[in-house]
């Protein structure tokens, strides 16, 4: 009886781990030069992270966790709308369709597996 319970617990842990890894994706994107992202206003990087998270949630995207790297790009160009600043956002989100991502029109947006 003990062995059966141990086997069931082990299988449950494996199944839970597999379902957990498939339940999120990492969405990352860059801030545009010239402050041309309509959902971002001037402020600290922390404030921009909150604004970006709020924007995604307003677009119906379930955000699980968020972070940023203020020095993601070592060198950047200086053209508005097409060049990034050094700031890149990272969001753990519930699974997205590629069409959902295209509708957001984010700079250099990528979807990958959760870390």
C-alpha atoms as a PDB file:
ATOM      1  CA  UNK A   1       0.000   0.000   0.000  1.00  0.00           C
ATOM      2  CA  UNK A   2       2.826   2.364   0.879  1.00  0.00           C
ATOM      3  CA  UNK A   3       4.524   1.697  -2.445  1.00  0.00           C
ATOM      4  CA  UNK A   4       1.336   2.468  -4.360  1.00  0.00           C
ATOM      5  CA  UNK A   5       0.955   5.805  -2.570  1.00  0.00           C
ATOM      6  CA  UNK A   6       4.599   6.624  -3.236  1.00  0.00           C
ATOM      7  CA  UNK A   7       4.203   5.790  -6.932  1.00  0.00           C
ATOM      8  CA  UNK A   8       1.031   7.898  -7.182  1.00  0.00           C
ATOM      9  CA  UNK A   9       2.722  10.852  -5.504  1.00  0.00           C
ATOM     10  CA  UNK A  10       5.701  10.582  -7.841  1.00  0.00           C
ATOM     11  CA  UNK A  11       3.473  10.427 -10.929  1.00  0.00           C
ATOM     12  CA  UNK A  12       1.440  13.379  -9.678  1.00  0.00           C
ATOM     13  CA  UNK A  13       4.586  15.447  -9.172  1.00  0.00           C
ATOM     14  CA  UNK A  14       5.813  14.616 -12.675  1.00  0.00           C
ATOM     15  CA  UNK A  15       2.463  15.451 -14.261  1.00  0.00           C
ATOM     16  CA  UNK A  16       2.172  18.698 -12.310  1.00  0.00           C
ATOM     17  CA  UNK A  17       5.672  19.741 -13.357  1.00  0.00           C
ATOM     18  CA  UNK A  18       4.930  19.015 -17.016  1.00  0.00           C
ATOM     19  CA  UNK A  19       1.673  20.940 -16.973  1.00  0.00           C
ATOM     20  CA  UNK A  20       3.315  23.844 -15.174  1.00  0.00           C
ATOM     21  CA  UNK A  21       6.051  24.245 -17.775  1.00  0.00           C
ATOM     22  CA  UNK A  22       3.463  24.341 -20.559  1.00  0.00           C
ATOM     23  CA  UNK A  23       1.237  26.856 -18.788  1.00  0.00           C
ATOM     24  CA  UNK A  24       3.310  29.949 -19.518  1.00  0.00           C
ATOM     25  CA  UNK A  25       5.478  31.626 -22.102  1.00  0.00           C
ATOM     26  CA  UNK A  26       8.069  34.363 -21.885  1.00  0.00           C
ATOM     27  CA  UNK A  27       7.171  37.464 -23.865  1.00  0.00           C
ATOM     28  CA  UNK A  28       9.995  39.959 -24.326  1.00  0.00           C
ATOM     29  CA  UNK A  29      10.205  43.234 -26.231  1.00  0.00           C
ATOM     30  CA  UNK A  30      12.179  46.484 -26.399  1.00  0.00           C
ATOM     31  CA  UNK A  31      11.315  50.066 -25.594  1.00  0.00           C
ATOM     32  CA  UNK A  32      11.373  52.239 -28.734  1.00  0.00           C
ATOM     33  CA  UNK A  33      13.563  55.318 -29.156  1.00  0.00           C
ATOM     34  CA  UNK A  34      11.921  58.763 -28.857  1.00  0.00           C
ATOM     35  CA  UNK A  35       9.336  57.540 -26.360  1.00  0.00           C
ATOM     36  CA  UNK A  36       7.118  56.452 -29.234  1.00  0.00           C
ATOM     37  CA  UNK A  37       5.462  53.529 -27.406  1.00  0.00           C
ATOM     38  CA  UNK A  38       2.034  54.967 -26.633  1.00  0.00           C
ATOM     39  CA  UNK A  39       1.704  52.940 -23.423  1.00  0.00           C
ATOM     40  CA  UNK A  40       5.010  54.166 -21.941  1.00  0.00           C
ATOM     41  CA  UNK A  41       5.507  57.626 -20.511  1.00  0.00           C
ATOM     42  CA  UNK A  42       8.592  59.245 -19.064  1.00  0.00           C
ATOM     43  CA  UNK A  43       9.658  57.852 -15.744  1.00  0.00           C
ATOM     44  CA  UNK A  44      11.947  55.349 -14.123  1.00  0.00           C
ATOM     45  CA  UNK A  45      12.466  51.882 -15.554  1.00  0.00           C
ATOM     46  CA  UNK A  46      10.366  50.486 -12.694  1.00  0.00           C
ATOM     47  CA  UNK A  47       7.487  52.798 -13.641  1.00  0.00           C
ATOM     48  CA  UNK A  48       7.812  51.780 -17.296  1.00  0.00           C
ATOM     49  CA  UNK A  49       7.655  48.119 -16.281  1.00  0.00           C
ATOM     50  CA  UNK A  50       4.362  48.753 -14.471  1.00  0.00           C
ATOM     51  CA  UNK A  51       3.028  50.695 -17.489  1.00  0.00           C
ATOM     52  CA  UNK A  52       4.009  47.901 -19.879  1.00  0.00           C
ATOM     53  CA  UNK A  53       2.423  45.273 -17.616  1.00  0.00           C
ATOM     54  CA  UNK A  54      -0.780  47.321 -17.332  1.00  0.00           C
ATOM     55  CA  UNK A  55      -0.870  47.710 -21.128  1.00  0.00           C
ATOM     56  CA  UNK A  56      -0.549  43.964 -21.699  1.00  0.00           C
ATOM     57  CA  UNK A  57      -3.259  43.241 -19.158  1.00  0.00           C
ATOM     58  CA  UNK A  58      -5.544  45.840 -20.771  1.00  0.00           C
ATOM     59  CA  UNK A  59      -5.029  43.959 -24.060  1.00  0.00           C
ATOM     60  CA  UNK A  60      -6.300  40.753 -22.415  1.00  0.00           C
ATOM     61  CA  UNK A  61      -2.913  39.151 -21.750  1.00  0.00           C
ATOM     62  CA  UNK A  62      -2.577  37.412 -18.385  1.00  0.00           C
ATOM     63  CA  UNK A  63       0.752  38.483 -16.894  1.00  0.00           C
ATOM     64  CA  UNK A  64       2.195  36.086 -14.323  1.00  0.00           C
ATOM     65  CA  UNK A  65       5.530  37.820 -13.632  1.00  0.00           C
ATOM     66  CA  UNK A  66       7.517  40.731 -15.027  1.00  0.00           C
ATOM     67  CA  UNK A  67      11.086  41.973 -15.136  1.00  0.00           C
ATOM     68  CA  UNK A  68      13.383  44.145 -17.240  1.00  0.00           C
ATOM     69  CA  UNK A  69      17.013  44.543 -18.187  1.00  0.00           C
ATOM     70  CA  UNK A  70      18.026  48.213 -18.390  1.00  0.00           C
ATOM     71  CA  UNK A  71      21.247  47.380 -20.266  1.00  0.00           C
ATOM     72  CA  UNK A  72      20.060  44.663 -22.624  1.00  0.00           C
ATOM     73  CA  UNK A  73      21.388  46.360 -25.765  1.00  0.00           C
ATOM     74  CA  UNK A  74      25.015  47.466 -25.673  1.00  0.00           C
ATOM     75  CA  UNK A  75      24.659  49.680 -28.731  1.00  0.00           C
ATOM     76  CA  UNK A  76      21.514  51.208 -30.177  1.00  0.00           C
ATOM     77  CA  UNK A  77      20.641  53.325 -33.176  1.00  0.00           C
ATOM     78  CA  UNK A  78      18.884  56.665 -32.891  1.00  0.00           C
ATOM     79  CA  UNK A  79      15.881  56.286 -35.181  1.00  0.00           C
ATOM     80  CA  UNK A  80      12.408  56.715 -33.696  1.00  0.00           C
ATOM     81  CA  UNK A  81       9.935  53.797 -33.869  1.00  0.00           C
ATOM     82  CA  UNK A  82      12.428  51.286 -35.327  1.00  0.00           C
ATOM     83  CA  UNK A  83      15.384  51.389 -32.924  1.00  0.00           C
ATOM     84  CA  UNK A  84      15.353  50.161 -29.344  1.00  0.00           C
ATOM     85  CA  UNK A  85      16.657  51.882 -26.265  1.00  0.00           C
ATOM     86  CA  UNK A  86      18.846  49.749 -24.018  1.00  0.00           C
ATOM     87  CA  UNK A  87      15.727  48.693 -22.024  1.00  0.00           C
ATOM     88  CA  UNK A  88      14.124  45.282 -22.668  1.00  0.00           C
ATOM     89  CA  UNK A  89      11.041  43.934 -20.885  1.00  0.00           C
ATOM     90  CA  UNK A  90      10.428  40.298 -19.949  1.00  0.00           C
ATOM     91  CA  UNK A  91       6.993  38.964 -19.019  1.00  0.00           C
ATOM     92  CA  UNK A  92       5.864  35.512 -18.009  1.00  0.00           C
ATOM     93  CA  UNK A  93       2.409  35.247 -19.554  1.00  0.00           C
ATOM     94  CA  UNK A  94      -0.265  32.642 -20.122  1.00  0.00           C
ATOM     95  CA  UNK A  95       0.115  31.083 -23.602  1.00  0.00           C
ATOM     96  CA  UNK A  96      -0.370  33.468 -26.538  1.00  0.00           C
ATOM     97  CA  UNK A  97      -1.175  32.978 -30.183  1.00  0.00           C
ATOM     98  CA  UNK A  98       1.218  34.546 -32.702  1.00  0.00           C
ATOM     99  CA  UNK A  99      -1.656  36.659 -34.023  1.00  0.00           C
ATOM    100  CA  UNK A 100      -2.165  38.139 -30.534  1.00  0.00           C
ATOM    101  CA  UNK A 101       1.465  39.216 -30.526  1.00  0.00           C
ATOM    102  CA  UNK A 102       1.258  40.811 -33.979  1.00  0.00           C
ATOM    103  CA  UNK A 103      -1.755  42.881 -32.915  1.00  0.00           C
ATOM    104  CA  UNK A 104       0.272  44.446 -30.074  1.00  0.00           C
ATOM    105  CA  UNK A 105       2.874  45.936 -32.459  1.00  0.00           C
ATOM    106  CA  UNK A 106       5.714  45.643 -29.928  1.00  0.00           C
ATOM    107  CA  UNK A 107       9.319  46.295 -30.955  1.00  0.00           C
ATOM    108  CA  UNK A 108      11.396  43.122 -31.447  1.00  0.00           C
ATOM    109  CA  UNK A 109       8.781  41.026 -29.644  1.00  0.00           C
ATOM    110  CA  UNK A 110       9.630  37.394 -29.032  1.00  0.00           C
ATOM    111  CA  UNK A 111       7.764  34.513 -27.421  1.00  0.00           C
ATOM    112  CA  UNK A 112       9.737  31.717 -25.850  1.00  0.00           C
ATOM    113  CA  UNK A 113       9.521  29.077 -23.188  1.00  0.00           C
ATOM    114  CA  UNK A 114       9.367  30.148 -19.566  1.00  0.00           C
ATOM    115  CA  UNK A 115      12.746  29.994 -17.853  1.00  0.00           C
END
